[in-house]
Every structure is written in structure tokens, then in C-alpha cells.
Amino acid sequence: MHTPHPRLAHATWRTSTYSASSGDCVEVAELTDGCWAVRDSKDRTGPALIFASSAWAALTTGVRDGEFH
């Protein structure tokens, strides 16, 4: 059984407005310490990735700039 990280206990998760209506997407939450968490919307009790704010900024900039196509 997966035990969530304590930093995620009070996370407010949201799904991108670009998500497919089928729900096949990721959810993100900004944590109280400025980090960001990401999880699979189909497995909300599963694991989550936690990114430092600088890593999150680099990732989102890369996505917007098309670096991952």
C-alpha cells in the first residue's frame, strides 16, 4: 500500500484546462513550501512527483516552448 508523503496531506489538486474530457491527464498542486506536486488523475491514491520550484519552472517553460515534441 502506498503512503502519501506528509507534504501532500493538505494539497489542493487541480487539472489543466487543456485536459481531455476523458480524464486522462495529470493533476498539479502547489505546496506550501513553494514546490509543486504532480500525480496521475486516474490514480489519485498512487504516487506523486514533487518538484522544487526551479525545476517546475524549467519544466513548464520547456513544455510551453515545445522542447518535448
C-alpha atoms as a PDB file:
ATOM      1  CA  MET A   1       0.000   0.000   0.000  1.00  0.00           C
ATOM      2  CA  HIS A   2       1.254   3.473  -0.920  1.00  0.00           C
ATOM      3  CA  THR A   3       1.594   6.003   1.906  1.00  0.00           C
ATOM      4  CA  PRO A   4       1.391   9.607   0.671  1.00  0.00           C
ATOM      5  CA  HIS A   5       4.183  11.981   1.543  1.00  0.00           C
ATOM      6  CA  PRO A   6       3.230  14.243   4.504  1.00  0.00           C
ATOM      7  CA  ARG A   7       3.791  17.321   2.316  1.00  0.00           C
ATOM      8  CA  LEU A   8       0.804  16.217   0.215  1.00  0.00           C
ATOM      9  CA  ALA A   9      -1.658  15.925   3.121  1.00  0.00           C
ATOM     10  CA  HIS A  10      -3.250  19.337   2.509  1.00  0.00           C
ATOM     11  CA  ALA A  11      -2.524  19.716  -1.188  1.00  0.00           C
ATOM     12  CA  THR A  12      -5.217  21.255  -3.359  1.00  0.00           C
ATOM     13  CA  TRP A  13      -5.057  19.428  -6.662  1.00  0.00           C
ATOM     14  CA  ARG A  14      -6.174  20.863  -9.986  1.00  0.00           C
ATOM     15  CA  THR A  15      -6.382  19.590 -13.522  1.00  0.00           C
ATOM     16  CA  SER A  16      -5.272  21.600 -16.516  1.00  0.00           C
ATOM     17  CA  THR A  17      -7.933  23.320 -18.574  1.00  0.00           C
ATOM     18  CA  TYR A  18      -6.258  21.629 -21.555  1.00  0.00           C
ATOM     19  CA  SER A  19      -7.079  18.170 -20.191  1.00  0.00           C
ATOM     20  CA  ALA A  20      -9.047  15.741 -22.270  1.00  0.00           C
ATOM     21  CA  SER A  21     -12.661  15.252 -21.224  1.00  0.00           C
ATOM     22  CA  SER A  22     -11.846  11.557 -20.694  1.00  0.00           C
ATOM     23  CA  GLY A  23      -9.874  12.455 -17.563  1.00  0.00           C
ATOM     24  CA  ASP A  24      -6.603  11.030 -18.898  1.00  0.00           C
ATOM     25  CA  CYS A  25      -4.377  13.710 -17.511  1.00  0.00           C
ATOM     26  CA  VAL A  26      -2.190  14.767 -14.642  1.00  0.00           C
ATOM     27  CA  GLU A  27      -3.114  16.932 -11.690  1.00  0.00           C
ATOM     28  CA  VAL A  28      -0.846  19.503 -10.069  1.00  0.00           C
ATOM     29  CA  ALA A  29      -0.731  21.110  -6.645  1.00  0.00           C
ATOM     30  CA  GLU A  30       1.375  23.982  -5.385  1.00  0.00           C
ATOM     31  CA  LEU A  31       2.693  23.008  -1.976  1.00  0.00           C
ATOM     32  CA  THR A  32       3.052  25.349   0.989  1.00  0.00           C
ATOM     33  CA  ASP A  33       6.861  25.388   0.647  1.00  0.00           C
ATOM     34  CA  GLY A  34       6.730  26.598  -2.976  1.00  0.00           C
ATOM     35  CA  CYS A  35       7.337  23.175  -4.509  1.00  0.00           C
ATOM     36  CA  TRP A  36       4.934  21.563  -6.971  1.00  0.00           C
ATOM     37  CA  ALA A  37       3.460  18.060  -6.946  1.00  0.00           C
ATOM     38  CA  VAL A  38       2.162  16.090  -9.938  1.00  0.00           C
ATOM     39  CA  ARG A  39       0.034  12.930  -9.945  1.00  0.00           C
ATOM     40  CA  ASP A  40      -1.930  10.781 -12.372  1.00  0.00           C
ATOM     41  CA  SER A  41      -5.596  11.805 -12.404  1.00  0.00           C
ATOM     42  CA  LYS A  42      -6.608   8.155 -12.889  1.00  0.00           C
ATOM     43  CA  ASP A  43      -4.685   7.035  -9.774  1.00  0.00           C
ATOM     44  CA  ARG A  44      -5.218   9.736  -7.169  1.00  0.00           C
ATOM     45  CA  THR A  45      -4.074   7.498  -4.327  1.00  0.00           C
ATOM     46  CA  GLY A  46      -0.928   6.487  -6.195  1.00  0.00           C
ATOM     47  CA  PRO A  47       2.484   8.120  -6.098  1.00  0.00           C
ATOM     48  CA  ALA A  48       3.162  11.776  -6.845  1.00  0.00           C
ATOM     49  CA  LEU A  49       6.275  13.544  -8.061  1.00  0.00           C
ATOM     50  CA  ILE A  50       7.462  16.590  -6.112  1.00  0.00           C
ATOM     51  CA  PHE A  51       9.435  19.268  -7.969  1.00  0.00           C
ATOM     52  CA  ALA A  52      11.455  22.129  -6.498  1.00  0.00           C
ATOM     53  CA  SER A  53      10.140  25.475  -7.741  1.00  0.00           C
ATOM     54  CA  SER A  54      13.152  25.968 -10.051  1.00  0.00           C
ATOM     55  CA  ALA A  55      12.693  22.527 -11.617  1.00  0.00           C
ATOM     56  CA  TRP A  56       8.959  23.168 -12.055  1.00  0.00           C
ATOM     57  CA  ALA A  57       9.676  26.479 -13.786  1.00  0.00           C
ATOM     58  CA  ALA A  58      12.145  24.789 -16.144  1.00  0.00           C
ATOM     59  CA  LEU A  59       9.657  22.012 -16.940  1.00  0.00           C
ATOM     60  CA  THR A  60       6.718  24.312 -17.636  1.00  0.00           C
ATOM     61  CA  THR A  61       8.885  26.646 -19.740  1.00  0.00           C
ATOM     62  CA  GLY A  62      10.103  23.652 -21.745  1.00  0.00           C
ATOM     63  CA  VAL A  63       6.541  22.475 -22.328  1.00  0.00           C
ATOM     64  CA  ARG A  64       5.416  25.927 -23.472  1.00  0.00           C
ATOM     65  CA  ASP A  65       8.440  26.244 -25.758  1.00  0.00           C
ATOM     66  CA  GLY A  66       7.814  22.845 -27.377  1.00  0.00           C
ATOM     67  CA  GLU A  67      11.038  21.248 -26.155  1.00  0.00           C
ATOM     68  CA  PHE A  68       9.331  17.897 -25.638  1.00  0.00           C
ATOM     69  CA  HIS A  69       7.691  17.375 -29.036  1.00  0.00           C
END
